[in-house]
Amino acid sequence: MSDNQPTDLADLAAWAESQLPQLAENACTAILARVPFYHGGAVVSVADLRRSVGHNLRFLVSALRAPEEPRDLAAPRDTGRRRAQQSAPLPEVLQAYRICFATLWDALVAHARESRGQSAVDALLSAASLIWQFTDEHALAVTEAYRAATAEILLARQQRRGALVEALLTGQPGPDGGPWEAASLLGLPPGAQLIVVAAETRGLAEESLPGIERRLSDRGVVSGWRLTPALQLGLVAVPLEQQDRVLSTLRETVTARTGVSPPYPSLSDTPRALHLARTALSAVPAGRAEVRLFDPSPLAALLALDPAEGRRITQAVLGTVLALPSDDRAILLETLTAYLNHDGSAEHAGRVLHCHPNTVRYRLRRLQELTGRSLSDPNDAAELAAASYAVQISPDATTTHGHN
């Protein structure tokens, strides 16, 4: 390597600097021809691309002129942040960078060939090493800035979605719009059936349905989620034909107690649905990772919205049953629930309970004797059904009285 190489390298950089406008134009032309993402300037305008290419080439040539000086990476960092904000794919951004630097290298090679001197060849070899080093540094700066900006964008978007979900769950939208505006911003389809999901967090503000929004989105289901210290709350738009699939996805993902409201059509009912979802959650035994759907019966919803009245009905109707030892109490209550949930049929209830229909009838007769109410009398049956719903909604009420 000759003693005058630094001067030759500086001369090479000076020549490149004099060619910057044409080099930038050549690089832009190559990028537009070879990277489909930049075609038409729909996301990144041609003017923006030309400006970015010019800045980055200028920074690169300046570094080539004074390789010992600290490198200024402001240009690639700015490009990385801006492309992230424009939602440009990172691989295409890096491909454009490689084309940009390759354009400079090809121009330097052509210039060195025209010079036909050993010093020009030596300068070119030095420039090659530096250019690939600078290329790596610039690509790393672009990537780091792009990823940092993407993380900021995703966090801001998630925070906004969480705030919109909170507005719908509480029934208190912001000053600039009502629930329909919030739902539109969340991307919830107009007129869709909705459910509210309330999942107990595994730890302090730790998701118990990890990645659920993405999982549902992969199945074409739109949802919005909000994380609180104790609950992971979700608002899900459920196509009628996909309700079972949504519930299956929740069950595949769940790691803690989870309650789901019945489907409902009106956004204004979201706070009520949240209460029902939380009620369903509370009915799941502690420590069990289970998804429980709140009973769609209007009677069950009515009792859930007035827990104190539900407890009063439970005691008034089933007090003598609740006073039984825990095993007897549980068998009678389970039999009553199965009977009511299966069309008042002892045969159907027996299949669910894995016992003979006559065993079901015997248990029901005993329950009717204890309560003084007959399942064949409409008013008595309504009271027993109401008390049964109240017990299912608030299972702790069964241990408030009786022997354990």
Protein backbone atom coordinates (compact mmCIF):
# COMPACT_ATOMS: atom_id res chain seq x y z
CA MET A 1 0.00 0.00 0.00
CA SER A 2 1.64 3.32 -1.06
CA ASP A 3 2.31 6.26 1.28
CA ASN A 4 0.08 8.56 -0.74
CA GLN A 5 -2.95 6.24 -0.51
CA PRO A 6 -4.86 8.41 2.01
CA THR A 7 -4.68 11.27 -0.45
CA ASP A 8 -5.82 8.99 -3.27
CA LEU A 9 -8.73 7.74 -1.14
CA ALA A 10 -9.66 11.33 -0.35
CA ASP A 11 -9.46 12.12 -4.07
CA LEU A 12 -11.72 9.17 -4.79
CA ALA A 13 -14.21 10.39 -2.16
CA ALA A 14 -14.00 13.92 -3.60
CA TRP A 15 -14.83 12.57 -7.03
CA ALA A 16 -17.78 10.61 -5.63
CA GLU A 17 -19.00 13.73 -3.84
CA SER A 18 -18.98 15.63 -7.12
CA GLN A 19 -21.11 12.89 -8.65
CA LEU A 20 -23.66 12.68 -5.81
CA PRO A 21 -26.69 14.09 -7.68
CA GLN A 22 -26.22 11.62 -10.55
CA LEU A 23 -25.40 8.74 -8.20
CA ALA A 24 -28.57 9.42 -6.19
CA GLU A 25 -30.64 9.52 -9.36
CA ASN A 26 -29.10 6.25 -10.60
CA ALA A 27 -29.74 4.56 -7.25
CA CYS A 28 -33.35 5.75 -7.19
CA THR A 29 -33.92 4.46 -10.71
CA ALA A 30 -32.48 1.06 -9.78
CA ILE A 31 -34.55 0.84 -6.59
CA LEU A 32 -37.77 1.74 -8.40
CA ALA A 33 -37.00 -0.87 -11.07
CA ARG A 34 -35.96 -3.72 -8.77
CA VAL A 35 -38.05 -3.34 -5.58
CA PRO A 36 -41.80 -3.67 -6.29
CA PHE A 37 -42.75 -2.08 -2.95
CA TYR A 38 -41.51 1.32 -4.16
CA HIS A 39 -43.41 1.17 -7.46
CA GLY A 40 -45.81 4.05 -7.93
CA GLY A 41 -44.79 5.82 -4.73
CA ALA A 42 -48.02 4.80 -2.99
CA VAL A 43 -46.39 4.48 0.46
CA VAL A 44 -42.97 6.06 -0.02
CA SER A 45 -43.09 8.88 -2.54
CA VAL A 46 -40.40 9.18 -5.19
CA ALA A 47 -39.39 12.53 -3.71
CA ASP A 48 -39.03 10.94 -0.26
CA LEU A 49 -36.98 8.07 -1.70
CA ARG A 50 -34.74 10.47 -3.65
CA ARG A 51 -34.16 12.61 -0.56
CA SER A 52 -33.34 9.58 1.60
CA VAL A 53 -30.95 8.09 -0.97
CA GLY A 54 -29.20 11.43 -1.36
CA HIS A 55 -28.74 11.90 2.39
CA ASN A 56 -27.42 8.40 2.93
CA LEU A 57 -25.00 8.58 0.01
CA ARG A 58 -23.72 11.91 1.27
CA PHE A 59 -23.11 10.48 4.75
CA LEU A 60 -21.35 7.47 3.23
CA VAL A 61 -19.07 9.54 1.01
CA SER A 62 -18.25 11.83 3.95
CA ALA A 63 -17.21 8.78 5.97
CA LEU A 64 -15.11 7.60 3.01
CA ARG A 65 -13.32 10.97 2.94
CA ALA A 66 -12.43 10.80 6.66
CA PRO A 67 -12.60 7.15 7.74
CA GLU A 68 -10.84 7.83 11.07
CA GLU A 69 -13.53 10.26 12.20
CA PRO A 70 -16.52 9.05 14.26
CA ARG A 71 -19.35 8.08 11.93
CA ASP A 72 -22.55 10.12 11.92
CA LEU A 73 -25.44 7.63 11.58
CA ALA A 74 -28.22 10.19 11.75
CA ALA A 75 -29.28 9.60 8.14
CA PRO A 76 -29.84 5.82 8.36
CA ARG A 77 -31.53 6.18 11.76
CA ASP A 78 -33.87 8.80 10.35
CA THR A 79 -34.64 6.56 7.38
CA GLY A 80 -35.32 3.57 9.64
CA ARG A 81 -37.73 5.53 11.84
CA ARG A 82 -39.54 7.10 8.90
CA ARG A 83 -39.97 3.82 7.03
CA ALA A 84 -41.37 2.18 10.16
CA GLN A 85 -43.88 5.01 10.51
CA GLN A 86 -44.81 4.45 6.85
CA SER A 87 -45.26 0.69 7.49
CA ALA A 88 -42.64 -0.12 4.86
CA PRO A 89 -41.40 -3.76 5.13
CA LEU A 90 -37.91 -3.91 6.63
CA PRO A 91 -36.50 -6.40 4.05
CA GLU A 92 -37.44 -4.05 1.21
CA VAL A 93 -35.91 -1.09 3.06
CA LEU A 94 -32.63 -2.99 3.48
CA GLN A 95 -32.72 -4.10 -0.16
CA ALA A 96 -32.99 -0.45 -1.20
CA TYR A 97 -29.96 0.30 0.99
CA ARG A 98 -27.92 -2.43 -0.67
CA ILE A 99 -28.84 -1.12 -4.12
CA CYS A 100 -27.88 2.39 -3.05
CA PHE A 101 -24.43 1.33 -1.86
CA ALA A 102 -23.90 -0.99 -4.81
CA THR A 103 -24.57 1.97 -7.10
CA LEU A 104 -21.78 3.92 -5.39
CA TRP A 105 -19.41 0.95 -5.59
CA ASP A 106 -20.06 0.39 -9.29
CA ALA A 107 -19.38 4.06 -9.98
CA LEU A 108 -16.09 3.96 -8.03
CA VAL A 109 -14.98 0.83 -9.94
CA ALA A 110 -15.75 2.48 -13.27
CA HIS A 111 -13.83 5.61 -12.23
CA ALA A 112 -10.80 3.59 -11.08
CA ARG A 113 -10.72 1.72 -14.37
CA GLU A 114 -10.68 4.96 -16.26
CA SER A 115 -7.75 6.20 -14.12
CA ARG A 116 -5.67 3.08 -14.90
CA GLY A 117 -3.17 3.83 -12.17
CA GLN A 118 -1.90 1.63 -9.34
CA SER A 119 -2.75 4.33 -6.81
CA ALA A 120 -6.36 4.36 -8.04
CA VAL A 121 -6.53 0.57 -7.67
CA ASP A 122 -5.09 0.77 -4.14
CA ALA A 123 -7.57 3.48 -3.23
CA LEU A 124 -10.40 1.40 -4.64
CA LEU A 125 -9.37 -1.63 -2.55
CA SER A 126 -9.31 0.50 0.57
CA ALA A 127 -12.64 1.99 -0.39
CA ALA A 128 -14.11 -1.51 -0.83
CA SER A 129 -13.25 -2.51 2.71
CA LEU A 130 -14.61 0.73 4.10
CA ILE A 131 -17.78 0.68 2.02
CA TRP A 132 -18.77 -2.81 3.17
CA GLN A 133 -17.97 -1.83 6.76
CA PHE A 134 -20.07 1.32 6.42
CA THR A 135 -22.81 -0.68 4.71
CA ASP A 136 -23.04 -3.00 7.72
CA GLU A 137 -23.04 -0.08 10.14
CA HIS A 138 -25.74 1.73 8.20
CA ALA A 139 -27.88 -1.41 7.83
CA LEU A 140 -27.60 -2.04 11.57
CA ALA A 141 -28.55 1.57 12.33
CA VAL A 142 -31.53 1.36 9.97
CA THR A 143 -32.68 -1.92 11.50
CA GLU A 144 -32.34 -0.77 15.11
CA ALA A 145 -34.16 2.51 14.43
CA TYR A 146 -36.86 0.70 12.45
CA ARG A 147 -37.48 -1.83 15.22
CA ALA A 148 -37.47 0.78 17.96
CA ALA A 149 -39.97 2.92 16.04
CA THR A 150 -42.12 -0.14 15.30
CA ALA A 151 -42.17 -1.04 19.00
CA GLU A 152 -43.23 2.51 19.88
CA ILE A 153 -45.96 2.46 17.23
CA LEU A 154 -47.29 -0.92 18.39
CA LEU A 155 -47.26 0.17 22.02
CA ALA A 156 -49.09 3.40 21.21
CA ARG A 157 -51.60 1.50 19.07
CA GLN A 158 -52.14 -1.09 21.81
CA GLN A 159 -52.56 1.61 24.43
CA ARG A 160 -55.13 3.37 22.28
CA ARG A 161 -57.01 0.13 21.62
CA GLY A 162 -56.96 -0.58 25.34
CA ALA A 163 -58.41 2.87 26.04
CA LEU A 164 -61.16 2.32 23.44
CA VAL A 165 -62.03 -1.05 24.97
CA GLU A 166 -62.13 0.57 28.40
CA ALA A 167 -64.52 3.23 27.08
CA LEU A 168 -66.92 0.57 25.80
CA LEU A 169 -66.67 -1.62 28.90
CA THR A 170 -67.40 1.27 31.24
CA GLY A 171 -69.96 2.95 28.99
CA GLN A 172 -67.98 6.18 29.27
CA PRO A 173 -66.62 7.07 25.82
CA GLY A 174 -64.35 10.04 25.30
CA PRO A 175 -65.52 13.58 24.64
CA ASP A 176 -65.26 13.25 20.87
CA GLY A 177 -67.50 10.25 20.25
CA GLY A 178 -69.87 7.60 21.51
CA PRO A 179 -69.61 3.81 21.62
CA TRP A 180 -70.14 3.44 17.87
CA GLU A 181 -67.15 5.66 17.11
CA ALA A 182 -65.01 3.66 19.55
CA ALA A 183 -66.15 0.39 18.00
CA SER A 184 -65.34 1.70 14.53
CA LEU A 185 -61.83 2.68 15.60
CA LEU A 186 -61.35 -0.81 17.02
CA GLY A 187 -62.44 -2.27 13.68
CA LEU A 188 -65.48 -4.08 15.10
CA PRO A 189 -67.87 -4.92 12.24
CA PRO A 190 -71.13 -2.94 12.42
CA GLY A 191 -74.09 -5.02 13.51
CA ALA A 192 -71.95 -7.90 14.78
CA GLN A 193 -72.87 -9.99 17.80
CA LEU A 194 -70.50 -9.24 20.67
CA ILE A 195 -69.22 -11.03 23.74
CA VAL A 196 -67.18 -9.77 26.67
CA VAL A 197 -64.39 -11.95 28.06
CA ALA A 198 -63.07 -11.51 31.61
CA ALA A 199 -59.99 -13.57 32.48
CA GLU A 200 -58.24 -13.59 35.84
CA THR A 201 -54.59 -12.57 35.51
CA ARG A 202 -52.06 -15.22 36.53
CA GLY A 203 -49.84 -12.66 38.23
CA LEU A 204 -49.97 -8.90 38.63
CA ALA A 205 -51.04 -7.61 35.19
CA GLU A 206 -49.90 -10.87 33.54
CA GLU A 207 -51.99 -12.06 30.58
CA SER A 208 -53.81 -15.33 31.16
CA LEU A 209 -54.88 -15.45 27.50
CA PRO A 210 -51.47 -14.79 25.90
CA GLY A 211 -51.57 -13.69 22.27
CA ILE A 212 -55.35 -14.05 22.14
CA GLU A 213 -55.95 -11.04 19.88
CA ARG A 214 -53.58 -12.43 17.26
CA ARG A 215 -55.02 -15.96 17.59
CA LEU A 216 -58.54 -14.68 17.01
CA SER A 217 -57.40 -12.44 14.17
CA ASP A 218 -55.83 -15.46 12.46
CA ARG A 219 -59.35 -16.94 12.46
CA GLY A 220 -60.88 -13.79 11.01
CA VAL A 221 -62.32 -12.61 14.34
CA VAL A 222 -61.87 -8.96 15.41
CA SER A 223 -61.33 -8.20 19.08
CA GLY A 224 -59.94 -5.56 21.43
CA TRP A 225 -58.31 -6.17 24.82
CA ARG A 226 -57.50 -4.30 27.99
CA LEU A 227 -55.15 -5.49 30.74
CA THR A 228 -55.69 -4.43 34.35
CA PRO A 229 -53.73 -5.58 37.42
CA ALA A 230 -56.33 -8.29 38.16
CA LEU A 231 -58.15 -8.94 34.86
CA GLN A 232 -57.56 -9.37 31.15
CA LEU A 233 -60.70 -8.01 29.51
CA GLY A 234 -61.74 -8.49 25.90
CA LEU A 235 -64.48 -7.34 23.56
CA VAL A 236 -64.96 -9.80 20.70
CA ALA A 237 -67.09 -9.49 17.56
CA VAL A 238 -68.46 -12.99 17.02
CA PRO A 239 -69.92 -14.05 13.67
CA LEU A 240 -72.89 -16.32 14.37
CA GLU A 241 -71.28 -19.27 12.63
CA GLN A 242 -68.02 -18.86 14.57
CA GLN A 243 -69.20 -18.72 18.19
CA ASP A 244 -68.03 -22.28 18.89
CA ARG A 245 -64.69 -21.57 17.21
CA VAL A 246 -64.15 -18.47 19.34
CA LEU A 247 -64.91 -20.41 22.51
CA SER A 248 -62.57 -23.20 21.38
CA THR A 249 -59.80 -20.67 20.81
CA LEU A 250 -60.31 -19.25 24.29
CA ARG A 251 -60.22 -22.74 25.80
CA GLU A 252 -57.02 -23.60 23.90
CA THR A 253 -55.35 -20.45 25.22
CA VAL A 254 -56.67 -20.04 28.76
CA THR A 255 -54.34 -20.38 31.75
CA ALA A 256 -56.64 -19.06 34.49
CA ARG A 257 -60.32 -18.66 35.41
CA THR A 258 -62.22 -17.01 32.57
CA GLY A 259 -65.82 -15.89 32.19
CA VAL A 260 -67.67 -15.11 28.95
CA SER A 261 -70.87 -13.12 28.60
CA PRO A 262 -73.78 -14.31 26.44
CA PRO A 263 -73.75 -12.81 22.93
CA TYR A 264 -75.46 -9.42 22.67
CA PRO A 265 -76.13 -7.07 19.75
CA SER A 266 -76.01 -3.54 21.21
CA LEU A 267 -72.80 -1.75 22.13
CA SER A 268 -74.63 0.12 24.87
CA ASP A 269 -75.09 -3.23 26.68
CA THR A 270 -71.34 -3.78 27.00
CA PRO A 271 -71.07 -2.70 30.69
CA ARG A 272 -73.88 -5.15 31.53
CA ALA A 273 -72.13 -7.90 29.57
CA LEU A 274 -68.92 -7.20 31.48
CA HIS A 275 -70.78 -7.77 34.75
CA LEU A 276 -72.11 -11.09 33.44
CA ALA A 277 -68.65 -12.18 32.25
CA ARG A 278 -67.18 -11.38 35.67
CA THR A 279 -70.02 -13.27 37.31
CA ALA A 280 -69.28 -16.31 35.14
CA LEU A 281 -65.60 -16.04 36.10
CA SER A 282 -66.42 -16.00 39.81
CA ALA A 283 -68.40 -19.24 39.38
CA VAL A 284 -65.26 -21.10 38.26
CA PRO A 285 -63.52 -22.83 41.19
CA ALA A 286 -60.38 -21.02 42.35
CA GLY A 287 -57.18 -22.18 40.69
CA ARG A 288 -58.90 -23.88 37.74
CA ALA A 289 -58.01 -22.83 34.19
CA GLU A 290 -61.49 -22.95 32.70
CA VAL A 291 -63.66 -20.90 30.36
CA ARG A 292 -67.24 -20.58 31.57
CA LEU A 293 -70.02 -19.09 29.46
CA PHE A 294 -72.68 -17.23 31.41
CA ASP A 295 -76.12 -18.81 31.13
CA PRO A 296 -78.02 -17.01 28.34
CA SER A 297 -81.28 -17.14 30.32
CA PRO A 298 -82.72 -13.66 31.05
CA LEU A 299 -83.56 -14.92 34.54
CA ALA A 300 -79.92 -15.74 35.20
CA ALA A 301 -78.90 -12.27 34.00
CA LEU A 302 -81.51 -10.63 36.22
CA LEU A 303 -80.21 -12.46 39.30
CA ALA A 304 -76.60 -11.66 38.41
CA LEU A 305 -77.39 -7.97 38.22
CA ASP A 306 -78.85 -8.08 41.77
CA PRO A 307 -76.65 -10.52 43.74
CA ALA A 308 -78.24 -9.61 47.07
CA GLU A 309 -81.68 -10.57 45.79
CA GLY A 310 -80.22 -13.78 44.39
CA ARG A 311 -78.86 -14.72 47.81
CA ARG A 312 -82.24 -13.92 49.41
CA ILE A 313 -84.06 -16.14 46.91
CA THR A 314 -81.53 -18.93 47.44
CA GLN A 315 -82.07 -18.90 51.17
CA ALA A 316 -85.85 -18.54 50.95
CA VAL A 317 -86.31 -21.38 48.46
CA LEU A 318 -83.40 -23.74 49.11
CA GLY A 319 -82.53 -22.97 52.72
CA THR A 320 -83.41 -26.48 53.93
CA VAL A 321 -81.30 -28.01 51.17
CA LEU A 322 -78.35 -25.74 51.93
CA ALA A 323 -78.49 -26.92 55.55
CA LEU A 324 -77.74 -30.51 54.51
CA PRO A 325 -74.26 -32.01 54.76
CA SER A 326 -72.13 -30.93 51.80
CA ASP A 327 -72.29 -34.23 49.85
CA ASP A 328 -76.10 -34.49 50.08
CA ARG A 329 -76.49 -30.82 49.27
CA ALA A 330 -74.24 -31.04 46.20
CA ILE A 331 -76.07 -34.10 44.80
CA LEU A 332 -79.52 -32.51 45.09
CA LEU A 333 -78.42 -29.18 43.62
CA GLU A 334 -76.58 -30.89 40.76
CA THR A 335 -79.65 -33.01 39.99
CA LEU A 336 -81.95 -29.96 40.00
CA THR A 337 -79.64 -28.10 37.65
CA ALA A 338 -79.35 -31.04 35.24
CA TYR A 339 -83.13 -31.53 35.25
CA LEU A 340 -83.82 -27.85 34.51
CA ASN A 341 -81.10 -27.63 31.85
CA HIS A 342 -82.34 -30.71 29.96
CA ASP A 343 -85.98 -29.95 29.23
CA GLY A 344 -87.28 -31.20 32.58
CA SER A 345 -86.48 -34.76 31.52
CA ALA A 346 -85.32 -37.33 34.10
CA GLU A 347 -84.00 -39.48 31.26
CA HIS A 348 -81.86 -36.69 29.80
CA ALA A 349 -80.67 -35.59 33.23
CA GLY A 350 -79.80 -39.19 34.10
CA ARG A 351 -77.54 -39.46 31.03
CA VAL A 352 -75.70 -36.30 32.03
CA LEU A 353 -75.41 -37.41 35.66
CA HIS A 354 -74.55 -41.02 34.72
CA CYS A 355 -77.36 -42.47 36.81
CA HIS A 356 -80.74 -44.15 36.26
CA PRO A 357 -83.76 -41.87 35.59
CA ASN A 358 -85.44 -43.34 38.67
CA THR A 359 -82.50 -42.10 40.74
CA VAL A 360 -83.09 -38.63 39.32
CA ARG A 361 -86.78 -38.83 40.19
CA TYR A 362 -86.00 -39.99 43.72
CA ARG A 363 -83.61 -37.07 44.28
CA LEU A 364 -86.12 -34.60 42.89
CA ARG A 365 -88.88 -35.93 45.17
CA ARG A 366 -86.59 -35.50 48.15
CA LEU A 367 -85.74 -31.94 47.06
CA GLN A 368 -89.44 -31.11 46.66
CA GLU A 369 -90.17 -32.48 50.13
CA LEU A 370 -87.37 -30.42 51.67
CA THR A 371 -88.38 -27.18 49.92
CA GLY A 372 -92.15 -27.64 50.00
CA ARG A 373 -92.26 -26.83 46.31
CA SER A 374 -93.39 -28.95 43.37
CA LEU A 375 -91.75 -28.97 39.98
CA SER A 376 -95.17 -29.66 38.44
CA ASP A 377 -96.51 -26.33 39.74
CA PRO A 378 -95.47 -23.45 37.40
CA ASN A 379 -94.95 -20.92 40.21
CA ASP A 380 -93.00 -23.38 42.37
CA ALA A 381 -90.94 -24.48 39.38
CA ALA A 382 -90.11 -20.84 38.59
CA GLU A 383 -88.93 -20.27 42.16
CA LEU A 384 -86.80 -23.42 42.12
CA ALA A 385 -85.33 -22.42 38.75
CA ALA A 386 -84.53 -18.92 40.05
CA ALA A 387 -82.87 -20.32 43.15
CA SER A 388 -80.92 -22.82 41.02
CA TYR A 389 -79.64 -20.02 38.79
CA ALA A 390 -78.69 -17.98 41.86
CA VAL A 391 -76.67 -20.90 43.23
CA GLN A 392 -74.85 -21.36 39.91
CA ILE A 393 -74.10 -17.65 39.73
CA SER A 394 -72.86 -17.47 43.33
CA PRO A 395 -71.70 -20.97 44.34
CA ASP A 396 -70.25 -19.63 47.60
CA ALA A 397 -73.81 -19.21 48.83
CA THR A 398 -74.08 -23.01 49.16
CA THR A 399 -71.38 -23.08 51.81
CA THR A 400 -72.69 -20.14 53.79
CA HIS A 401 -75.14 -22.48 55.48
CA GLY A 402 -75.04 -26.17 56.24
CA HIS A 403 -72.39 -28.60 57.38
CA ASN A 404 -69.06 -29.15 55.70
